[in-house]
N, C-alpha and C. Protein backbone atom coordinates (compact mmCIF):
# COMPACT_ATOMS: atom_id res chain seq x y z
N GLY A 1 -19.80 13.34 2.08
CA GLY A 1 -19.88 14.31 3.12
C GLY A 1 -19.63 13.70 4.49
N ALA A 2 -20.52 12.79 4.91
CA ALA A 2 -20.41 12.23 6.26
C ALA A 2 -19.19 11.35 6.39
N ARG A 3 -18.85 10.61 5.33
CA ARG A 3 -17.66 9.75 5.40
C ARG A 3 -16.40 10.57 5.58
N LEU A 4 -16.33 11.70 4.90
CA LEU A 4 -15.15 12.55 5.03
C LEU A 4 -15.14 13.28 6.37
N GLY A 5 -16.31 13.55 6.92
CA GLY A 5 -16.39 14.24 8.21
C GLY A 5 -15.80 13.42 9.34
N VAL A 6 -15.83 12.11 9.23
CA VAL A 6 -15.27 11.25 10.27
C VAL A 6 -13.75 11.32 10.25
N ALA A 7 -13.17 11.46 9.07
CA ALA A 7 -11.71 11.52 8.94
C ALA A 7 -11.15 12.92 9.14
N ARG A 8 -12.00 13.93 9.16
CA ARG A 8 -11.55 15.32 9.27
C ARG A 8 -10.67 15.59 10.50
N PRO A 9 -11.01 15.08 11.70
CA PRO A 9 -10.13 15.35 12.86
C PRO A 9 -8.73 14.79 12.69
N VAL A 10 -8.59 13.65 12.03
CA VAL A 10 -7.26 13.08 11.82
C VAL A 10 -6.43 14.01 10.97
N VAL A 11 -6.99 14.46 9.87
CA VAL A 11 -6.28 15.33 8.94
C VAL A 11 -6.01 16.69 9.58
N ALA A 12 -6.97 17.22 10.32
CA ALA A 12 -6.80 18.53 10.96
C ALA A 12 -5.67 18.50 11.99
N GLN A 13 -5.65 17.49 12.84
CA GLN A 13 -4.61 17.39 13.86
C GLN A 13 -3.24 17.14 13.22
N PHE A 14 -3.21 16.31 12.19
CA PHE A 14 -1.95 16.04 11.51
C PHE A 14 -1.44 17.32 10.84
N GLY A 15 -2.34 18.08 10.25
CA GLY A 15 -1.96 19.34 9.60
C GLY A 15 -1.40 20.36 10.57
N LYS A 16 -1.87 20.34 11.80
CA LYS A 16 -1.37 21.25 12.83
C LYS A 16 -0.05 20.77 13.42
N GLY A 17 0.34 19.55 13.08
CA GLY A 17 1.57 19.00 13.63
C GLY A 17 1.39 18.39 15.00
N GLU A 18 0.16 18.18 15.42
CA GLU A 18 -0.14 17.59 16.73
C GLU A 18 -0.33 16.08 16.53
N LEU A 19 0.79 15.38 16.50
CA LEU A 19 0.75 13.97 16.16
C LEU A 19 0.07 13.11 17.21
N ALA A 20 0.20 13.46 18.47
CA ALA A 20 -0.45 12.66 19.53
C ALA A 20 -1.97 12.73 19.38
N GLN A 21 -2.49 13.94 19.12
CA GLN A 21 -3.94 14.09 18.92
C GLN A 21 -4.38 13.41 17.63
N ALA A 22 -3.54 13.48 16.59
CA ALA A 22 -3.85 12.80 15.34
C ALA A 22 -3.89 11.29 15.55
N ALA A 23 -3.00 10.77 16.39
CA ALA A 23 -2.99 9.34 16.69
C ALA A 23 -4.27 8.94 17.41
N ARG A 24 -4.70 9.75 18.37
CA ARG A 24 -5.95 9.44 19.09
C ARG A 24 -7.15 9.50 18.15
N ALA A 25 -7.18 10.50 17.27
CA ALA A 25 -8.29 10.62 16.32
C ALA A 25 -8.28 9.45 15.33
N ALA A 26 -7.11 9.04 14.87
CA ALA A 26 -7.02 7.89 13.95
C ALA A 26 -7.44 6.60 14.64
N LYS A 27 -7.08 6.45 15.92
CA LYS A 27 -7.47 5.26 16.68
C LYS A 27 -8.99 5.21 16.83
N LYS A 28 -9.58 6.36 17.11
CA LYS A 28 -11.04 6.43 17.24
C LYS A 28 -11.70 6.10 15.90
N LEU A 29 -11.14 6.63 14.81
CA LEU A 29 -11.66 6.34 13.49
C LEU A 29 -11.55 4.85 13.17
N ALA A 30 -10.44 4.23 13.54
CA ALA A 30 -10.28 2.79 13.31
C ALA A 30 -11.33 1.99 14.07
N TYR A 31 -11.60 2.38 15.33
CA TYR A 31 -12.64 1.70 16.10
C TYR A 31 -14.01 1.85 15.43
N ILE A 32 -14.29 3.04 14.93
CA ILE A 32 -15.57 3.28 14.26
C ILE A 32 -15.67 2.40 13.01
N LEU A 33 -14.59 2.32 12.24
CA LEU A 33 -14.61 1.50 11.03
C LEU A 33 -14.77 0.02 11.35
N TRP A 34 -14.09 -0.46 12.40
CA TRP A 34 -14.25 -1.87 12.79
C TRP A 34 -15.68 -2.15 13.27
N ALA A 35 -16.25 -1.21 14.03
CA ALA A 35 -17.63 -1.37 14.49
C ALA A 35 -18.59 -1.39 13.30
N LEU A 36 -18.34 -0.53 12.33
CA LEU A 36 -19.18 -0.51 11.13
C LEU A 36 -19.05 -1.82 10.36
N PHE A 37 -17.83 -2.35 10.28
CA PHE A 37 -17.60 -3.62 9.61
C PHE A 37 -18.41 -4.74 10.28
N VAL A 38 -18.33 -4.81 11.59
CA VAL A 38 -19.08 -5.85 12.33
C VAL A 38 -20.58 -5.65 12.14
N TRP A 39 -21.03 -4.40 12.18
CA TRP A 39 -22.45 -4.11 12.01
C TRP A 39 -22.95 -4.56 10.64
N VAL A 40 -22.17 -4.31 9.60
CA VAL A 40 -22.57 -4.69 8.24
C VAL A 40 -22.66 -6.22 8.13
N ILE A 41 -21.72 -6.92 8.73
CA ILE A 41 -21.77 -8.39 8.70
C ILE A 41 -23.00 -8.90 9.44
N LEU A 42 -23.24 -8.36 10.65
CA LEU A 42 -24.40 -8.80 11.43
C LEU A 42 -25.72 -8.43 10.76
N ALA A 43 -25.79 -7.25 10.17
CA ALA A 43 -27.02 -6.83 9.51
C ALA A 43 -27.34 -7.74 8.32
N GLY A 44 -26.33 -8.13 7.57
CA GLY A 44 -26.55 -9.06 6.46
C GLY A 44 -27.04 -10.41 6.94
N ALA A 45 -26.45 -10.89 8.03
CA ALA A 45 -26.86 -12.19 8.58
C ALA A 45 -28.30 -12.12 9.10
N ILE A 46 -28.61 -11.07 9.83
CA ILE A 46 -29.97 -10.92 10.36
C ILE A 46 -30.97 -10.75 9.23
N GLY A 47 -30.57 -9.99 8.22
CA GLY A 47 -31.45 -9.80 7.06
C GLY A 47 -31.76 -11.10 6.35
N SER A 48 -30.77 -11.98 6.22
CA SER A 48 -31.02 -13.26 5.55
C SER A 48 -31.98 -14.13 6.36
N VAL A 49 -31.90 -14.06 7.66
CA VAL A 49 -32.82 -14.82 8.51
C VAL A 49 -34.23 -14.25 8.39
N VAL A 50 -34.35 -12.93 8.43
CA VAL A 50 -35.68 -12.31 8.35
C VAL A 50 -36.35 -12.59 7.01
N VAL A 51 -35.59 -12.53 5.93
CA VAL A 51 -36.15 -12.75 4.60
C VAL A 51 -36.66 -14.18 4.44
N THR A 52 -36.00 -15.15 5.05
CA THR A 52 -36.41 -16.55 4.89
C THR A 52 -37.22 -17.08 6.07
N TRP A 53 -37.62 -16.21 6.98
CA TRP A 53 -38.32 -16.65 8.19
C TRP A 53 -39.66 -17.33 7.87
N HIS A 54 -40.33 -16.88 6.83
CA HIS A 54 -41.65 -17.44 6.48
C HIS A 54 -41.56 -18.83 5.84
N MET A 55 -40.39 -19.25 5.46
CA MET A 55 -40.22 -20.55 4.81
C MET A 55 -40.35 -21.68 5.83
N PRO A 56 -40.67 -22.87 5.38
CA PRO A 56 -40.80 -23.99 6.31
C PRO A 56 -39.44 -24.35 6.94
N PRO A 57 -39.47 -24.99 8.10
CA PRO A 57 -38.22 -25.39 8.75
C PRO A 57 -37.36 -26.24 7.80
N GLY A 58 -36.09 -25.99 7.85
CA GLY A 58 -35.16 -26.70 6.98
C GLY A 58 -34.82 -25.90 5.73
N GLU A 59 -35.64 -24.90 5.40
CA GLU A 59 -35.37 -24.08 4.22
C GLU A 59 -34.95 -22.65 4.61
N ARG A 60 -34.98 -22.37 5.88
CA ARG A 60 -34.53 -21.05 6.35
C ARG A 60 -33.01 -20.99 6.25
N THR A 61 -32.51 -19.81 6.02
CA THR A 61 -31.06 -19.69 5.86
C THR A 61 -30.49 -18.57 6.74
N LEU A 62 -29.26 -18.78 7.07
CA LEU A 62 -28.45 -17.77 7.73
C LEU A 62 -27.22 -17.60 6.84
N ALA A 63 -27.16 -16.49 6.14
CA ALA A 63 -26.07 -16.27 5.19
C ALA A 63 -25.09 -15.25 5.76
N ILE A 64 -23.84 -15.65 5.81
CA ILE A 64 -22.77 -14.75 6.23
C ILE A 64 -21.77 -14.72 5.07
N GLY A 65 -21.56 -13.54 4.54
CA GLY A 65 -20.66 -13.43 3.40
C GLY A 65 -19.89 -12.13 3.43
N LEU A 66 -18.86 -12.10 2.63
CA LEU A 66 -18.05 -10.89 2.51
C LEU A 66 -18.12 -10.39 1.08
N SER A 67 -18.55 -9.17 0.92
CA SER A 67 -18.55 -8.55 -0.40
C SER A 67 -17.30 -7.68 -0.53
N SER A 68 -17.10 -7.13 -1.69
CA SER A 68 -15.93 -6.27 -1.89
C SER A 68 -16.02 -5.02 -1.02
N MET A 69 -17.23 -4.54 -0.76
CA MET A 69 -17.40 -3.37 0.10
C MET A 69 -16.98 -3.69 1.53
N GLN A 70 -17.33 -4.86 2.01
CA GLN A 70 -16.97 -5.24 3.37
C GLN A 70 -15.47 -5.48 3.50
N ILE A 71 -14.86 -6.06 2.48
CA ILE A 71 -13.42 -6.25 2.50
C ILE A 71 -12.70 -4.91 2.46
N SER A 72 -13.22 -3.99 1.66
CA SER A 72 -12.64 -2.64 1.60
C SER A 72 -12.76 -1.93 2.94
N LEU A 73 -13.88 -2.11 3.61
CA LEU A 73 -14.08 -1.51 4.93
C LEU A 73 -13.10 -2.08 5.94
N ALA A 74 -12.88 -3.38 5.90
CA ALA A 74 -11.91 -4.00 6.80
C ALA A 74 -10.49 -3.51 6.51
N LEU A 75 -10.14 -3.38 5.25
CA LEU A 75 -8.82 -2.86 4.88
C LEU A 75 -8.65 -1.41 5.32
N ALA A 76 -9.71 -0.61 5.18
CA ALA A 76 -9.65 0.79 5.62
C ALA A 76 -9.44 0.86 7.13
N ALA A 77 -10.13 0.01 7.87
CA ALA A 77 -9.97 -0.02 9.33
C ALA A 77 -8.56 -0.46 9.70
N LEU A 78 -8.04 -1.45 9.00
CA LEU A 78 -6.69 -1.93 9.27
C LEU A 78 -5.65 -0.85 8.98
N ILE A 79 -5.77 -0.19 7.85
CA ILE A 79 -4.83 0.88 7.49
C ILE A 79 -4.93 2.04 8.47
N THR A 80 -6.14 2.38 8.88
CA THR A 80 -6.31 3.47 9.84
C THR A 80 -5.69 3.10 11.19
N GLY A 81 -5.81 1.85 11.58
CA GLY A 81 -5.16 1.40 12.81
C GLY A 81 -3.65 1.52 12.72
N PHE A 82 -3.08 1.15 11.58
CA PHE A 82 -1.64 1.30 11.38
C PHE A 82 -1.24 2.77 11.40
N MET A 83 -2.08 3.63 10.81
CA MET A 83 -1.79 5.07 10.84
C MET A 83 -1.77 5.57 12.27
N ALA A 84 -2.71 5.12 13.09
CA ALA A 84 -2.76 5.55 14.48
C ALA A 84 -1.48 5.14 15.21
N LYS A 85 -1.04 3.92 14.99
CA LYS A 85 0.20 3.46 15.63
C LYS A 85 1.40 4.26 15.13
N THR A 86 1.43 4.55 13.84
CA THR A 86 2.54 5.32 13.26
C THR A 86 2.56 6.73 13.82
N PHE A 87 1.40 7.38 13.89
CA PHE A 87 1.33 8.73 14.44
C PHE A 87 1.77 8.75 15.90
N ALA A 88 1.35 7.74 16.67
CA ALA A 88 1.73 7.68 18.08
C ALA A 88 3.24 7.52 18.22
N LEU A 89 3.83 6.65 17.41
CA LEU A 89 5.28 6.45 17.45
C LEU A 89 6.01 7.73 17.03
N CYS A 90 5.54 8.38 15.99
CA CYS A 90 6.16 9.64 15.54
C CYS A 90 6.05 10.72 16.62
N ALA A 91 4.91 10.76 17.31
CA ALA A 91 4.75 11.74 18.38
C ALA A 91 5.75 11.48 19.50
N GLU A 92 5.95 10.21 19.86
CA GLU A 92 6.93 9.87 20.90
C GLU A 92 8.34 10.24 20.45
N LEU A 93 8.67 9.93 19.21
CA LEU A 93 10.01 10.26 18.70
C LEU A 93 10.22 11.77 18.65
N TRP A 94 9.20 12.50 18.24
CA TRP A 94 9.31 13.96 18.19
C TRP A 94 9.49 14.54 19.58
N HIS A 95 8.77 13.98 20.56
CA HIS A 95 8.90 14.43 21.94
C HIS A 95 10.32 14.15 22.45
N ASP A 96 10.83 12.96 22.19
CA ASP A 96 12.20 12.62 22.60
C ASP A 96 13.22 13.51 21.91
N TYR A 97 13.01 13.80 20.64
CA TYR A 97 13.91 14.67 19.87
C TYR A 97 13.95 16.07 20.49
N ASN A 98 12.79 16.59 20.86
CA ASN A 98 12.72 17.93 21.45
C ASN A 98 13.37 17.97 22.83
N GLU A 99 13.32 16.86 23.58
CA GLU A 99 13.96 16.82 24.89
C GLU A 99 15.48 16.82 24.77
N VAL A 100 16.00 16.16 23.73
CA VAL A 100 17.44 16.09 23.54
C VAL A 100 17.99 17.46 23.14
N ILE A 101 17.24 18.15 22.29
CA ILE A 101 17.71 19.45 21.79
C ILE A 101 17.36 20.54 22.75
């Protein structure tokens, strides 16, 4: 539900043929996905420190790792960023096409 709600503006604007607005919505979605990716990495690192905080010095850990979910999130953000650039380029080309005709 919520995951699809974030992508809804991109699909809605694209469906209406408003590529410039779809590009802006896709760019915003890419920023949200990158922020979520960074948050997940930081939360895991902070969590590892909190879990081992009670241990004696030298045994505490700071773990930073990438799981398949985090890699998928990074790929989704990357693809969404490419979509935003593609939509923006298509909007410019469509605008130029309409000016010529």
